Amino acid sequence: MKVRKFAIADASFERSPGQDGEIFVANLIDQRHGAPITIGFGRYAPNQSLDETIIVDDVMVVLEGKLSVSSNAGTVTAGPGEIVHMPKGEQVTIRSHEQGAVTAYVTYPHWQEARG
């Protein structure tokens, strides 16, 4: 593999699996590229909510907007430049606020493979 740079313009978004809301993901690096991690962008329309059991370690960097992530441990809210780590096995609700959100994410291992 070589050093590469990605911009949101490089992303091809698709609806996040298992939900019918306005939440989209775009993998830029994943198992198809021989990398041990998945890297991509997420896009959340305003006031969306996603209930999920995290199946891989997931790191989300908020680039625009604001997201809240709730779990049994409480709720964290993150805005531009802030990072949320969601450990494997955690049950979470990810909620976008009135301005929606754009994120970058890194997962280990690959979330698509873990979904089966």
C-alpha atoms as a PDB file:
ATOM      1  CA  MET A   1       0.000   0.000   0.000  1.00  0.00           C
ATOM      2  CA  LYS A   2       1.045   3.572  -0.542  1.00  0.00           C
ATOM      3  CA  VAL A   3       0.392   6.861   1.240  1.00  0.00           C
ATOM      4  CA  ARG A   4      -2.913   8.304   0.084  1.00  0.00           C
ATOM      5  CA  LYS A   5      -5.054  11.361   0.816  1.00  0.00           C
ATOM      6  CA  PHE A   6      -8.858  11.477   0.683  1.00  0.00           C
ATOM      7  CA  ALA A   7     -11.417  14.255   0.580  1.00  0.00           C
ATOM      8  CA  ILE A   8     -15.164  14.069   1.019  1.00  0.00           C
ATOM      9  CA  ALA A   9     -15.448  14.623  -2.747  1.00  0.00           C
ATOM     10  CA  ASP A  10     -13.822  11.175  -3.193  1.00  0.00           C
ATOM     11  CA  ALA A  11     -16.623   9.478  -1.229  1.00  0.00           C
ATOM     12  CA  SER A  12     -19.422   7.443  -2.779  1.00  0.00           C
ATOM     13  CA  PHE A  13     -22.134   7.382  -0.102  1.00  0.00           C
ATOM     14  CA  GLU A  14     -24.647   4.578   0.441  1.00  0.00           C
ATOM     15  CA  ARG A  15     -27.328   4.153   3.092  1.00  0.00           C
ATOM     16  CA  SER A  16     -25.905   2.809   6.329  1.00  0.00           C
ATOM     17  CA  PRO A  17     -26.809  -0.909   6.529  1.00  0.00           C
ATOM     18  CA  GLY A  18     -29.773  -1.982   8.623  1.00  0.00           C
ATOM     19  CA  GLN A  19     -31.581   1.356   8.770  1.00  0.00           C
ATOM     20  CA  ASP A  20     -33.883   3.423   6.597  1.00  0.00           C
ATOM     21  CA  GLY A  21     -33.036   6.895   7.916  1.00  0.00           C
ATOM     22  CA  GLU A  22     -30.964   9.553   6.224  1.00  0.00           C
ATOM     23  CA  ILE A  23     -27.620   8.173   7.435  1.00  0.00           C
ATOM     24  CA  PHE A  24     -24.989   7.334   4.831  1.00  0.00           C
ATOM     25  CA  VAL A  25     -21.494   5.807   4.823  1.00  0.00           C
ATOM     26  CA  ALA A  26     -18.665   5.741   2.308  1.00  0.00           C
ATOM     27  CA  ASN A  27     -15.688   3.424   2.774  1.00  0.00           C
ATOM     28  CA  LEU A  28     -12.539   4.734   1.134  1.00  0.00           C
ATOM     29  CA  ILE A  29     -10.136   2.061   2.417  1.00  0.00           C
ATOM     30  CA  ASP A  30     -11.255  -1.406   3.505  1.00  0.00           C
ATOM     31  CA  GLN A  31     -10.594  -5.124   3.049  1.00  0.00           C
ATOM     32  CA  ARG A  32     -10.657  -4.696  -0.750  1.00  0.00           C
ATOM     33  CA  HIS A  33      -7.441  -2.671  -0.475  1.00  0.00           C
ATOM     34  CA  GLY A  34      -5.556  -5.062   1.796  1.00  0.00           C
ATOM     35  CA  ALA A  35      -5.632  -2.698   4.783  1.00  0.00           C
ATOM     36  CA  PRO A  36      -6.258  -3.991   8.333  1.00  0.00           C
ATOM     37  CA  ILE A  37      -8.687  -1.112   9.029  1.00  0.00           C
ATOM     38  CA  THR A  38     -11.651   0.530   7.332  1.00  0.00           C
ATOM     39  CA  ILE A  39     -11.513   4.300   6.750  1.00  0.00           C
ATOM     40  CA  GLY A  40     -14.405   6.366   5.445  1.00  0.00           C
ATOM     41  CA  PHE A  41     -16.844   9.233   5.797  1.00  0.00           C
ATOM     42  CA  GLY A  42     -20.314   9.314   7.333  1.00  0.00           C
ATOM     43  CA  ARG A  43     -23.114  11.757   6.591  1.00  0.00           C
ATOM     44  CA  TYR A  44     -26.112  12.299   8.891  1.00  0.00           C
ATOM     45  CA  ALA A  45     -29.117  14.387   7.891  1.00  0.00           C
ATOM     46  CA  PRO A  46     -30.621  16.587  10.645  1.00  0.00           C
ATOM     47  CA  ASN A  47     -32.326  14.881  13.590  1.00  0.00           C
ATOM     48  CA  GLN A  48     -31.534  11.279  12.667  1.00  0.00           C
ATOM     49  CA  SER A  49     -31.152   8.432  15.150  1.00  0.00           C
ATOM     50  CA  LEU A  50     -29.425   5.065  14.807  1.00  0.00           C
ATOM     51  CA  ASP A  51     -29.560   2.264  17.402  1.00  0.00           C
ATOM     52  CA  GLU A  52     -26.618  -0.091  16.968  1.00  0.00           C
ATOM     53  CA  THR A  53     -24.609  -2.745  18.749  1.00  0.00           C
ATOM     54  CA  ILE A  54     -21.033  -1.926  17.819  1.00  0.00           C
ATOM     55  CA  ILE A  55     -19.502  -5.008  16.151  1.00  0.00           C
ATOM     56  CA  VAL A  56     -15.966  -3.604  15.716  1.00  0.00           C
ATOM     57  CA  ASP A  57     -13.935  -0.933  17.479  1.00  0.00           C
ATOM     58  CA  ASP A  58     -15.182   2.279  15.874  1.00  0.00           C
ATOM     59  CA  VAL A  59     -13.559   5.711  16.023  1.00  0.00           C
ATOM     60  CA  MET A  60     -15.607   8.620  14.698  1.00  0.00           C
ATOM     61  CA  VAL A  61     -14.178  12.120  14.099  1.00  0.00           C
ATOM     62  CA  VAL A  62     -16.810  14.836  13.748  1.00  0.00           C
ATOM     63  CA  LEU A  63     -15.906  17.151  10.873  1.00  0.00           C
ATOM     64  CA  GLU A  64     -19.128  19.213  10.661  1.00  0.00           C
ATOM     65  CA  GLY A  65     -22.264  19.503  12.772  1.00  0.00           C
ATOM     66  CA  LYS A  66     -22.886  17.686  16.026  1.00  0.00           C
ATOM     67  CA  LEU A  67     -23.602  14.108  17.151  1.00  0.00           C
ATOM     68  CA  SER A  68     -24.597  12.596  20.473  1.00  0.00           C
ATOM     69  CA  VAL A  69     -23.734   8.995  21.301  1.00  0.00           C
ATOM     70  CA  SER A  70     -25.643   7.394  24.181  1.00  0.00           C
ATOM     71  CA  SER A  71     -24.805   4.108  25.904  1.00  0.00           C
ATOM     72  CA  ASN A  72     -25.294   2.549  29.336  1.00  0.00           C
ATOM     73  CA  ALA A  73     -22.423   4.753  30.528  1.00  0.00           C
ATOM     74  CA  GLY A  74     -24.221   7.985  29.574  1.00  0.00           C
ATOM     75  CA  THR A  75     -24.189  10.370  26.631  1.00  0.00           C
ATOM     76  CA  VAL A  76     -21.320  12.181  24.947  1.00  0.00           C
ATOM     77  CA  THR A  77     -21.852  14.981  22.449  1.00  0.00           C
ATOM     78  CA  ALA A  78     -19.156  15.798  19.902  1.00  0.00           C
ATOM     79  CA  GLY A  79     -18.705  18.678  17.475  1.00  0.00           C
ATOM     80  CA  PRO A  80     -16.122  19.588  14.849  1.00  0.00           C
ATOM     81  CA  GLY A  81     -12.634  18.360  15.707  1.00  0.00           C
ATOM     82  CA  GLU A  82     -13.820  15.989  18.439  1.00  0.00           C
ATOM     83  CA  ILE A  83     -13.448  12.197  18.476  1.00  0.00           C
ATOM     84  CA  VAL A  84     -15.793   9.505  19.807  1.00  0.00           C
ATOM     85  CA  HIS A  85     -14.565   5.946  20.439  1.00  0.00           C
ATOM     86  CA  MET A  86     -17.243   3.253  20.487  1.00  0.00           C
ATOM     87  CA  PRO A  87     -15.795  -0.039  21.761  1.00  0.00           C
ATOM     88  CA  LYS A  88     -16.789  -3.362  20.261  1.00  0.00           C
ATOM     89  CA  GLY A  89     -19.861  -4.817  21.974  1.00  0.00           C
ATOM     90  CA  GLU A  90     -21.268  -1.478  23.189  1.00  0.00           C
ATOM     91  CA  GLN A  91     -24.965  -0.781  22.544  1.00  0.00           C
ATOM     92  CA  VAL A  92     -25.306   2.816  21.389  1.00  0.00           C
ATOM     93  CA  THR A  93     -27.744   5.319  19.989  1.00  0.00           C
ATOM     94  CA  ILE A  94     -26.126   7.814  17.620  1.00  0.00           C
ATOM     95  CA  ARG A  95     -28.198  10.959  17.150  1.00  0.00           C
ATOM     96  CA  SER A  96     -27.556  13.905  14.872  1.00  0.00           C
ATOM     97  CA  HIS A  97     -28.714  17.366  15.888  1.00  0.00           C
ATOM     98  CA  GLU A  98     -30.576  20.030  13.907  1.00  0.00           C
ATOM     99  CA  GLN A  99     -27.596  20.797  11.645  1.00  0.00           C
ATOM    100  CA  GLY A 100     -26.834  17.155  10.775  1.00  0.00           C
ATOM    101  CA  ALA A 101     -23.233  15.959  10.765  1.00  0.00           C
ATOM    102  CA  VAL A 102     -20.326  14.809   8.637  1.00  0.00           C
ATOM    103  CA  THR A 103     -17.830  12.394  10.172  1.00  0.00           C
ATOM    104  CA  ALA A 104     -14.710  10.495   9.303  1.00  0.00           C
ATOM    105  CA  TYR A 105     -14.391   6.992  10.749  1.00  0.00           C
ATOM    106  CA  VAL A 106     -11.837   4.282  11.313  1.00  0.00           C
ATOM    107  CA  THR A 107     -12.861   0.762  12.325  1.00  0.00           C
ATOM    108  CA  TYR A 108     -10.896  -2.297  13.314  1.00  0.00           C
ATOM    109  CA  PRO A 109     -11.422  -4.835  12.000  1.00  0.00           C
ATOM    110  CA  HIS A 110     -13.539  -4.186   8.905  1.00  0.00           C
ATOM    111  CA  TRP A 111     -17.177  -3.470   9.760  1.00  0.00           C
ATOM    112  CA  GLN A 112     -18.481  -4.918   6.476  1.00  0.00           C
ATOM    113  CA  GLU A 113     -16.804  -8.273   7.135  1.00  0.00           C
ATOM    114  CA  ALA A 114     -18.025  -8.319  10.754  1.00  0.00           C
ATOM    115  CA  ARG A 115     -21.629  -7.741   9.605  1.00  0.00           C
ATOM    116  CA  GLY A 116     -21.346 -10.929   7.560  1.00  0.00           C
END
